[in-house]
Protein backbone atom coordinates (compact mmCIF):
# COMPACT_ATOMS: atom_id res chain seq x y z
CA MET A 1 32.52 -91.30 -54.85
CA ILE A 2 35.76 -93.14 -55.64
CA PHE A 3 37.64 -89.88 -55.04
CA TRP A 4 36.25 -89.51 -51.50
CA VAL A 5 37.02 -93.13 -50.67
CA PHE A 6 40.57 -92.54 -51.87
CA ILE A 7 40.86 -89.39 -49.72
CA SER A 8 39.52 -91.26 -46.65
CA VAL A 9 42.10 -94.00 -47.07
CA LEU A 10 44.88 -91.39 -47.41
CA LEU A 11 43.74 -89.62 -44.22
CA ALA A 12 43.65 -92.88 -42.29
CA PHE A 13 47.12 -93.75 -43.54
CA ALA A 14 48.47 -90.33 -42.58
CA SER A 15 47.09 -90.50 -39.02
CA SER A 16 48.57 -93.96 -38.49
CA LYS A 17 52.10 -93.17 -39.68
CA SER A 18 54.81 -94.39 -37.35
CA CYS A 19 56.85 -92.12 -35.10
CA ASP A 20 59.44 -91.25 -37.68
CA ALA A 21 57.03 -90.57 -40.53
CA GLU A 22 56.07 -87.00 -39.59
CA GLU A 23 58.03 -84.30 -37.76
CA PRO A 24 55.54 -83.70 -34.88
CA ASN A 25 55.21 -87.44 -34.30
CA ASN A 26 58.97 -87.85 -34.52
CA GLU A 27 59.46 -85.21 -31.82
CA LEU A 28 56.85 -86.85 -29.59
CA CYS A 29 58.38 -90.30 -29.90
CA LEU A 30 61.87 -88.91 -29.34
CA SER A 31 60.61 -87.33 -26.12
CA LEU A 32 58.91 -90.57 -25.03
CA ASN A 33 62.02 -92.55 -25.93
CA LYS A 34 64.12 -90.28 -23.73
CA ASN A 35 61.61 -90.47 -20.88
CA LEU A 36 61.75 -94.25 -20.95
CA LEU A 37 65.54 -94.27 -21.15
CA ARG A 38 65.73 -91.82 -18.25
CA SER A 39 63.54 -94.13 -16.16
CA LEU A 40 66.45 -96.59 -16.10
CA GLU A 41 68.23 -94.12 -13.84
CA THR A 42 65.31 -92.91 -11.73
CA GLN A 43 63.19 -96.01 -11.11
CA ASP A 44 63.17 -97.67 -7.72
CA GLY A 45 63.27 -101.39 -7.08
CA HIS A 46 64.04 -104.17 -9.53
CA PRO A 47 64.86 -103.73 -13.24
CA ASN A 48 61.88 -103.95 -15.56
CA PRO A 49 62.25 -106.26 -18.59
CA SER A 50 59.27 -104.60 -20.31
CA VAL A 51 61.14 -101.27 -20.34
CA HIS A 52 64.21 -102.90 -21.89
CA LEU A 53 62.04 -104.62 -24.50
CA ALA A 54 60.40 -101.34 -25.50
CA LEU A 55 63.77 -99.56 -25.78
CA ARG A 56 65.03 -102.33 -28.03
CA LEU A 57 61.90 -102.07 -30.22
CA SER A 58 62.46 -98.33 -30.67
CA ASN A 59 64.25 -96.94 -33.69
CA LEU A 60 66.75 -94.86 -31.68
CA HIS A 61 69.15 -96.33 -29.13
CA ASN A 62 71.68 -95.56 -26.46
CA LEU A 63 73.54 -98.85 -26.66
CA ALA A 64 75.71 -98.23 -23.59
CA LYS A 65 72.74 -97.64 -21.29
CA GLU A 66 70.78 -100.50 -22.84
CA GLY A 67 73.78 -102.82 -22.39
CA ALA A 68 74.21 -101.84 -18.73
CA TYR A 69 70.51 -102.42 -18.11
CA LEU A 70 70.69 -105.80 -19.81
CA ASN A 71 73.38 -106.81 -17.31
CA LYS A 72 71.07 -105.77 -14.45
CA LEU A 73 68.27 -107.86 -15.94
CA LYS A 74 70.51 -110.92 -16.21
CA SER A 75 71.63 -110.54 -12.60
CA HIS A 76 68.11 -110.13 -11.28
CA LEU A 77 66.77 -113.03 -13.33
CA HIS A 78 68.63 -115.39 -11.01
CA ASN A 79 66.76 -113.92 -8.02
CA ILE A 80 63.43 -114.24 -9.82
CA LEU A 81 64.05 -117.91 -10.51
CA GLN A 82 65.21 -118.66 -6.97
CA ASP A 83 62.10 -116.97 -5.56
CA SER A 84 59.93 -119.01 -7.90
CA PHE A 85 61.56 -122.29 -6.81
CA SER A 86 61.79 -121.64 -3.06
CA ASN A 87 58.25 -120.26 -2.64
CA ASN A 88 56.57 -122.53 -5.19
CA HIS A 89 55.30 -119.32 -6.76
CA PRO A 90 54.28 -119.62 -10.43
CA GLY A 91 56.58 -117.20 -12.25
CA VAL A 92 55.75 -118.00 -15.87
CA GLY A 93 54.84 -114.37 -16.68
CA GLN A 94 58.06 -112.87 -15.35
CA VAL A 95 60.24 -115.61 -16.84
CA ALA A 96 58.55 -115.11 -20.22
CA LEU A 97 59.03 -111.34 -20.14
CA TYR A 98 62.69 -111.73 -19.17
CA THR A 99 63.30 -114.13 -22.06
CA LEU A 100 61.70 -111.64 -24.46
CA ALA A 101 63.88 -108.84 -23.09
CA LEU A 102 67.04 -110.92 -23.47
CA ARG A 103 65.98 -111.99 -26.97
CA SER A 104 65.49 -108.33 -27.94
CA SER A 105 69.22 -107.82 -27.30
CA CYS A 106 70.05 -111.00 -29.26
CA TYR A 107 71.36 -112.62 -26.08
CA ASP A 108 71.95 -116.36 -26.52
CA LEU A 109 69.34 -117.91 -24.22
CA ASN A 110 70.88 -121.33 -24.75
CA THR A 111 73.64 -120.13 -22.42
CA VAL A 112 71.20 -119.40 -19.57
CA PHE A 113 70.76 -122.43 -17.33
CA VAL A 114 68.64 -123.17 -14.26
CA ASN A 115 69.06 -125.94 -11.71
CA ILE A 116 65.88 -127.52 -10.36
CA SER A 117 66.06 -130.40 -7.89
CA GLY A 118 69.54 -131.26 -9.09
CA LYS A 119 68.59 -131.17 -12.78
CA THR A 120 70.16 -128.56 -15.04
CA MET A 121 68.26 -127.23 -18.05
CA THR A 122 68.18 -124.12 -20.20
CA LEU A 123 65.86 -121.27 -19.26
CA LEU A 124 63.76 -121.89 -22.37
CA THR A 125 63.35 -125.59 -21.48
CA HIS A 126 62.28 -124.51 -17.99
CA LEU A 127 59.73 -122.09 -19.47
CA LYS A 128 58.39 -124.82 -21.75
CA LYS A 129 57.94 -127.11 -18.73
CA GLN A 130 56.18 -124.30 -16.87
CA MET A 131 53.78 -123.92 -19.78
CA GLU A 132 53.02 -127.64 -19.68
CA GLN A 133 52.17 -127.28 -15.97
CA GLU A 134 49.91 -124.34 -16.76
CA LYS A 135 48.20 -126.41 -19.46
CA GLU A 136 47.65 -129.35 -17.10
CA HIS A 137 46.10 -126.99 -14.56
CA ILE A 138 43.63 -125.86 -17.24
CA VAL A 139 42.72 -129.50 -17.92
CA VAL A 140 41.92 -130.13 -14.25
CA ASN A 141 40.68 -126.72 -13.05
CA ASN A 142 39.51 -125.02 -16.26
CA ARG A 143 41.99 -122.16 -15.73
CA PRO A 144 45.79 -121.71 -15.72
CA LEU A 145 47.91 -121.67 -12.58
CA THR A 146 48.43 -117.96 -13.20
CA ASN A 147 46.10 -116.35 -15.76
CA TYR A 148 45.57 -116.32 -19.52
CA TYR A 149 47.58 -113.10 -19.96
CA LYS A 150 50.71 -114.74 -18.56
CA TYR A 151 49.86 -117.98 -20.36
CA SER A 152 49.74 -116.06 -23.66
CA LEU A 153 52.96 -114.22 -22.80
CA GLY A 154 54.64 -117.59 -22.24
CA ILE A 155 53.61 -118.70 -25.72
CA VAL A 156 54.94 -115.45 -27.22
CA ALA A 157 58.29 -115.91 -25.43
CA LEU A 158 58.74 -119.50 -26.58
CA CYS A 159 57.58 -118.82 -30.12
CA THR A 160 59.74 -115.73 -30.71
CA ASN A 161 62.76 -117.71 -29.49
CA GLY A 162 62.09 -120.40 -32.10
CA ILE A 163 60.88 -123.02 -29.59
CA ARG A 164 58.09 -125.26 -30.84
CA VAL A 165 54.86 -124.59 -28.93
CA ASN A 166 53.03 -127.84 -28.19
CA SER A 167 49.66 -127.88 -29.97
CA HIS A 168 47.99 -128.93 -26.71
CA VAL A 169 49.27 -125.69 -25.14
CA SER A 170 48.09 -123.40 -27.94
CA ASN A 171 44.79 -125.28 -28.28
CA LYS A 172 43.95 -124.50 -24.64
CA LEU A 173 44.33 -120.80 -25.45
CA ILE A 174 42.19 -121.19 -28.57
CA LYS A 175 39.48 -122.86 -26.46
CA ALA A 176 39.66 -120.07 -23.87
CA VAL A 177 39.10 -117.52 -26.65
CA GLU A 178 36.14 -119.49 -27.99
CA ASP A 179 34.61 -119.75 -24.50
CA GLN A 180 35.33 -116.06 -23.75
CA HIS A 181 37.39 -116.85 -20.66
CA LEU A 182 39.82 -113.97 -21.21
CA THR A 183 38.38 -111.77 -18.49
CA HIS A 184 39.49 -109.68 -15.53
CA GLY A 185 36.88 -110.29 -12.88
CA ASP A 186 33.58 -110.10 -14.73
CA THR A 187 34.76 -107.86 -17.56
CA CYS A 188 36.56 -108.45 -20.85
CA SER A 189 40.33 -108.05 -20.46
CA VAL A 190 41.63 -106.12 -23.48
CA ASP A 191 45.23 -106.71 -22.38
CA THR A 192 44.66 -110.48 -22.29
CA TYR A 193 42.96 -110.56 -25.69
CA ALA A 194 45.83 -108.52 -27.12
CA MET A 195 48.51 -110.84 -25.74
CA ALA A 196 46.51 -113.88 -26.87
CA GLY A 197 46.33 -112.39 -30.37
CA MET A 198 50.10 -111.97 -30.53
CA ALA A 199 50.61 -115.49 -29.14
CA LEU A 200 48.34 -117.23 -31.63
CA GLN A 201 49.61 -115.12 -34.54
CA CYS A 202 53.18 -116.15 -33.71
CA VAL A 203 52.09 -119.80 -33.60
CA LYS A 204 50.38 -119.40 -36.98
CA ASP A 205 53.40 -117.68 -38.56
CA SER A 206 55.76 -120.36 -37.21
CA ARG A 207 53.76 -123.17 -38.85
CA PHE A 208 54.32 -125.60 -35.99
CA ASP A 209 53.26 -129.16 -36.73
CA GLY A 210 49.93 -130.32 -35.33
CA GLN A 211 48.25 -126.93 -35.31
CA ASN A 212 44.61 -126.81 -36.41
CA THR A 213 44.73 -123.97 -38.92
CA ALA A 214 40.95 -123.52 -39.15
CA GLU A 215 40.49 -123.20 -35.35
CA LEU A 216 43.56 -120.95 -35.13
CA ASP A 217 42.21 -118.59 -37.80
CA SER A 218 38.79 -118.56 -36.17
CA ALA A 219 40.27 -117.62 -32.78
CA LEU A 220 42.35 -114.84 -34.34
CA ARG A 221 39.24 -113.41 -36.03
CA MET A 222 37.39 -113.49 -32.71
CA ILE A 223 40.26 -111.73 -30.93
CA LYS A 224 40.50 -109.05 -33.60
CA GLN A 225 36.75 -108.39 -33.46
CA LYS A 226 36.80 -108.28 -29.67
CA LEU A 227 39.55 -105.64 -29.76
CA LEU A 228 37.77 -103.55 -32.38
CA ASP A 229 34.50 -103.80 -30.44
CA SER A 230 36.30 -102.56 -27.31
CA ARG A 231 37.19 -99.26 -28.96
CA GLY A 232 35.46 -96.37 -27.21
CA THR A 233 34.27 -92.99 -28.44
CA ASP A 234 37.72 -91.58 -27.60
CA ASN A 235 39.23 -94.28 -29.88
CA HIS A 236 41.16 -95.91 -27.05
CA ILE A 237 40.76 -99.68 -27.03
CA GLY A 238 39.57 -100.54 -23.53
CA ASN A 239 41.29 -97.53 -21.97
CA GLN A 240 44.36 -95.41 -22.63
CA PHE A 241 46.60 -97.92 -20.85
CA SER A 242 45.40 -101.04 -22.69
CA THR A 243 45.48 -99.41 -26.13
CA GLY A 244 49.22 -99.93 -26.62
CA LEU A 245 49.05 -103.72 -26.40
CA ALA A 246 45.79 -103.77 -28.37
CA VAL A 247 47.36 -101.84 -31.27
CA GLN A 248 50.44 -104.08 -31.09
CA ALA A 249 48.15 -107.09 -31.47
CA LEU A 250 46.26 -105.59 -34.41
CA ILE A 251 49.57 -104.81 -36.12
CA ALA A 252 50.86 -108.34 -35.44
CA MET A 253 47.64 -109.86 -36.82
CA GLY A 254 48.04 -107.91 -40.06
CA SER A 255 45.16 -105.47 -39.62
CA PRO A 256 45.05 -102.66 -42.19
CA ASN A 257 46.12 -99.21 -40.97
CA VAL A 258 42.59 -97.88 -41.11
CA GLU A 259 41.60 -100.21 -38.24
CA PHE A 260 44.07 -98.79 -35.73
CA ALA A 261 44.91 -95.33 -37.08
CA ALA A 262 42.47 -93.51 -34.78
CA SER A 263 43.75 -95.45 -31.76
CA ILE A 264 47.36 -94.45 -32.52
CA LYS A 265 46.21 -90.84 -32.74
CA ALA A 266 44.41 -91.22 -29.38
CA MET A 267 47.61 -92.55 -27.79
CA ARG A 268 49.56 -89.58 -29.14
CA THR A 269 46.99 -87.23 -27.59
CA SER A 270 47.23 -89.06 -24.24
CA ALA A 271 51.02 -88.93 -24.41
CA ARG A 272 50.97 -85.17 -25.02
CA ASN A 273 48.70 -84.88 -21.97
CA TYR A 274 51.33 -86.71 -19.89
CA ALA A 275 49.18 -89.81 -19.35
CA TYR A 276 52.09 -92.24 -19.66
CA GLN A 277 54.27 -91.26 -16.73
CA ASN A 278 54.48 -94.86 -15.50
CA PRO A 279 57.43 -96.58 -17.26
CA MET A 280 55.45 -99.83 -17.55
CA ALA A 281 52.59 -98.05 -19.33
CA LEU A 282 55.00 -96.21 -21.62
CA SER A 283 56.83 -99.47 -22.41
CA GLN A 284 53.64 -100.92 -23.91
CA VAL A 285 52.67 -97.76 -25.80
CA LEU A 286 56.00 -96.86 -27.40
CA PRO A 287 56.33 -99.99 -29.62
CA ALA A 288 52.78 -99.41 -30.88
CA LEU A 289 53.62 -95.81 -31.81
CA HIS A 290 56.55 -97.21 -33.79
CA GLN A 291 54.01 -99.63 -35.35
CA LYS A 292 55.84 -102.67 -34.01
CA SER A 293 54.78 -105.57 -31.80
CA TYR A 294 56.61 -107.93 -29.47
CA LEU A 295 56.72 -110.45 -32.32
CA LYS A 296 59.27 -108.24 -34.07
CA VAL A 297 62.06 -109.48 -31.76
CA LYS A 298 61.91 -112.90 -33.42
CA ASN A 299 63.90 -111.58 -36.38
CA PHE A 300 66.24 -109.23 -34.54
CA GLU A 301 69.91 -109.50 -35.57
CA CYS A 302 71.28 -106.54 -33.53
CA VAL A 303 73.76 -105.37 -36.17
CA ASP A 304 74.41 -101.85 -37.49
CA GLU A 305 72.07 -100.36 -34.89
CA ASP A 306 71.50 -96.67 -34.31
CA ASP A 307 73.37 -95.30 -31.29
CA SER A 308 72.36 -91.63 -31.38
CA LEU A 309 70.02 -91.29 -28.40
CA VAL A 310 71.52 -88.90 -25.86
CA LEU A 311 69.99 -87.69 -22.60
CA GLU A 312 70.37 -84.04 -21.70
CA PRO A 313 70.90 -83.27 -17.98
CA LEU A 314 67.70 -82.24 -16.19
CA ASP A 315 67.48 -79.19 -13.96
CA PRO A 316 66.39 -80.16 -10.43
CA VAL A 317 62.74 -79.33 -9.69
CA GLU A 318 61.65 -78.60 -6.12
CA ILE A 319 58.03 -79.55 -5.42
CA LEU A 320 56.65 -77.70 -2.40
CA PRO A 321 53.86 -79.36 -0.39
CA SER A 322 50.41 -77.86 -0.91
CA GLU A 323 48.78 -76.03 2.00
CA THR A 324 45.31 -76.69 0.60
CA LYS A 325 43.58 -79.69 2.15
CA VAL A 326 40.94 -81.90 0.56
CA ALA A 327 38.68 -84.45 2.25
CA VAL A 328 39.15 -88.11 1.37
CA ASN A 329 36.63 -90.78 2.35
CA VAL A 330 37.52 -94.45 2.04
CA GLU A 331 35.12 -97.40 2.04
CA VAL A 332 36.62 -100.85 2.58
CA VAL A 333 34.33 -103.63 1.32
CA SER A 334 34.99 -107.29 2.05
CA ARG A 335 32.58 -110.23 2.17
CA GLY A 336 29.55 -107.98 2.24
CA VAL A 337 30.79 -105.79 5.12
CA SER A 338 31.71 -102.11 4.67
CA LEU A 339 33.97 -100.02 6.88
CA PHE A 340 34.30 -96.25 6.45
CA TYR A 341 37.26 -93.95 7.11
CA SER A 342 38.06 -90.30 6.41
CA VAL A 343 41.15 -88.09 6.38
CA ASP A 344 42.18 -84.66 5.07
CA VAL A 345 45.17 -84.70 2.70
CA PRO A 346 47.19 -82.02 0.91
CA HIS A 347 45.88 -81.16 -2.54
CA GLY A 348 47.77 -83.22 -5.15
CA SER A 349 48.57 -86.11 -2.80
CA THR A 350 48.65 -89.57 -4.32
CA LEU A 351 46.18 -92.18 -3.12
CA LEU A 352 49.13 -94.07 -1.62
CA GLN A 353 50.06 -91.00 0.43
CA ALA A 354 46.41 -90.62 1.50
CA LEU A 355 46.33 -94.23 2.74
CA GLU A 356 49.56 -93.63 4.67
CA LEU A 357 47.97 -90.59 6.36
CA LEU A 358 44.90 -92.70 7.08
CA VAL A 359 47.08 -95.26 8.88
CA ALA A 360 48.62 -92.50 11.01
CA LYS A 361 45.17 -91.21 12.00
CA ASN A 362 43.32 -94.52 12.53
CA ASP A 363 44.60 -97.30 14.75
CA ASP A 364 42.11 -99.72 13.18
CA PHE A 365 43.23 -99.17 9.57
CA THR A 366 46.29 -100.86 8.05
CA PHE A 367 47.41 -101.75 4.56
CA ASP A 368 50.28 -103.52 2.81
CA THR A 369 51.59 -103.40 -0.75
CA GLU A 370 53.57 -105.67 -3.05
CA ASN A 371 56.09 -104.32 -5.54
CA THR A 372 55.16 -104.99 -9.17
CA MET A 373 56.41 -103.72 -12.51
CA TRP A 374 53.43 -101.32 -12.50
CA GLY A 375 54.32 -99.98 -9.05
CA PRO A 376 52.87 -100.76 -5.59
CA PHE A 377 50.04 -103.32 -5.67
CA LEU A 378 47.54 -103.09 -2.80
CA SER A 379 47.86 -106.56 -1.26
CA ALA A 380 46.26 -106.35 2.19
CA ILE A 381 43.87 -104.09 4.10
CA ASN A 382 43.30 -104.50 7.82
CA GLY A 383 45.31 -107.70 7.65
CA GLU A 384 43.09 -109.24 4.98
CA GLN A 385 45.12 -110.50 2.01
CA ALA A 386 44.15 -110.18 -1.63
CA ARG A 387 47.40 -111.14 -3.30
CA GLN A 388 48.10 -111.57 -6.99
CA SER A 389 49.52 -115.03 -6.31
CA ASP A 390 46.16 -116.04 -4.79
CA ARG A 391 44.28 -114.72 -7.85
CA GLY A 392 42.63 -112.06 -5.69
CA TYR A 393 43.00 -108.29 -5.64
CA TRP A 394 41.74 -105.14 -3.98
CA GLN A 395 39.66 -103.31 -6.58
CA VAL A 396 40.03 -99.53 -6.28
CA SER A 397 37.28 -97.27 -7.60
CA SER A 398 35.87 -93.79 -7.14
CA ASN A 399 32.20 -93.01 -7.78
CA ASP A 400 31.81 -96.53 -9.25
CA VAL A 401 34.58 -95.89 -11.80
CA LEU A 402 37.76 -97.98 -11.63
CA LEU A 403 40.90 -95.93 -11.09
CA PRO A 404 42.82 -95.54 -14.38
CA LYS A 405 46.16 -95.34 -12.55
CA GLY A 406 47.94 -97.10 -9.71
CA ILE A 407 47.73 -95.92 -6.11
CA ALA A 408 51.21 -94.36 -6.31
CA GLU A 409 50.27 -92.33 -9.41
CA PHE A 410 46.64 -91.29 -8.95
CA LYS A 411 46.63 -87.72 -7.61
CA ILE A 412 43.78 -86.33 -5.54
CA GLN A 413 42.69 -82.91 -6.79
CA GLU A 414 39.35 -82.56 -4.98
CA ALA A 415 37.26 -84.11 -2.21
CA GLN A 416 36.78 -87.71 -3.21
CA MET A 417 35.32 -91.04 -2.12
CA PHE A 418 37.31 -94.22 -2.77
CA THR A 419 36.02 -97.77 -2.54
CA LEU A 420 38.48 -100.58 -1.88
CA LYS A 421 36.77 -103.90 -2.56
CA ASN A 422 38.24 -107.34 -1.99
CA ILE A 423 37.69 -109.34 -5.18
CA GLU A 424 38.17 -113.05 -4.52
CA ARG A 425 38.82 -115.50 -7.37
CA HIS A 426 37.78 -119.13 -7.19
């Protein structure tokens, strides 16, 4: 009996080894590393701090490309802050992610200043003030200005930069965990639980004064159990896109390998099936495959780093449009009213392309998108807004199953019915 227990532990350990532990896994992670590095050159729009953070958490580096991207992030950070100030738009999530990205390159954040209403302060002081505003909003409205994912990310950013997190701020997150408020709509949000786990673990490790250790430990146990209970039969935690952050959280919280080994194996399988084409998705998965979490940047020193990652030139690939057409039906649901539309699209079209064709065919159908780090976010249909900043969103599903990818990535392979439902938050 003892022998078989020993063998089981060995098998679990083997399946959870990090990228560089076994040759096949090393080759996979090298390929993913290169894909993420290549995205710096091919991505449209603004630089993505999550991508930079993941590259810095990898074991292999191209320091020249990472340094050039860091300069882009620093330049764009100014625009992010100005947009936040001028539009009174709560930007705690983006500011937090930018500070983590800069910290991962050991950039001195005490040299980054912002000017608000004539007052100059460091970026970290500004973030701390933002977190206080979020906390006060919870006191009055029982929810943050943004959401608990961004609230947790703010705590991670402050904590990993050595800034003391006010106990009143962390206690609000602990209470939200206890009351099971970490949801997306009516369902448990694995991403939010994962980020909350990393936030509270960082607070615990930092031993900030005034923290209630018993309540902190209890919340961490609840988060860990919630993540483990969210593991499906395919061993993804939540789904294949939330598993990366979930595994990061389990690693940060000190879970034994046996508790996340199968999930790491599931991510490898998804990666080999080309599931992580979106740079944002890959940026959350790659650190987990290296068995690292965002908390690792707290101790980065950025000395004697590897600089061996080289990108080979890619041969141009010409993609010819398909002559095969498939029927797409779209139901738009808002406030109890449904509208129906249909259009034929080329086989392999993305949902975004299908909606664009629908606009061309129907004078009474329109839509708008917002740019996000995950790609285009469906923000309005027929003039009706459901913006992230308003805590609303257009839920996209097919046959009562939520789409696993964004509208610019999901490809239509057969006749399909899509439901676009306006989800309003209060």
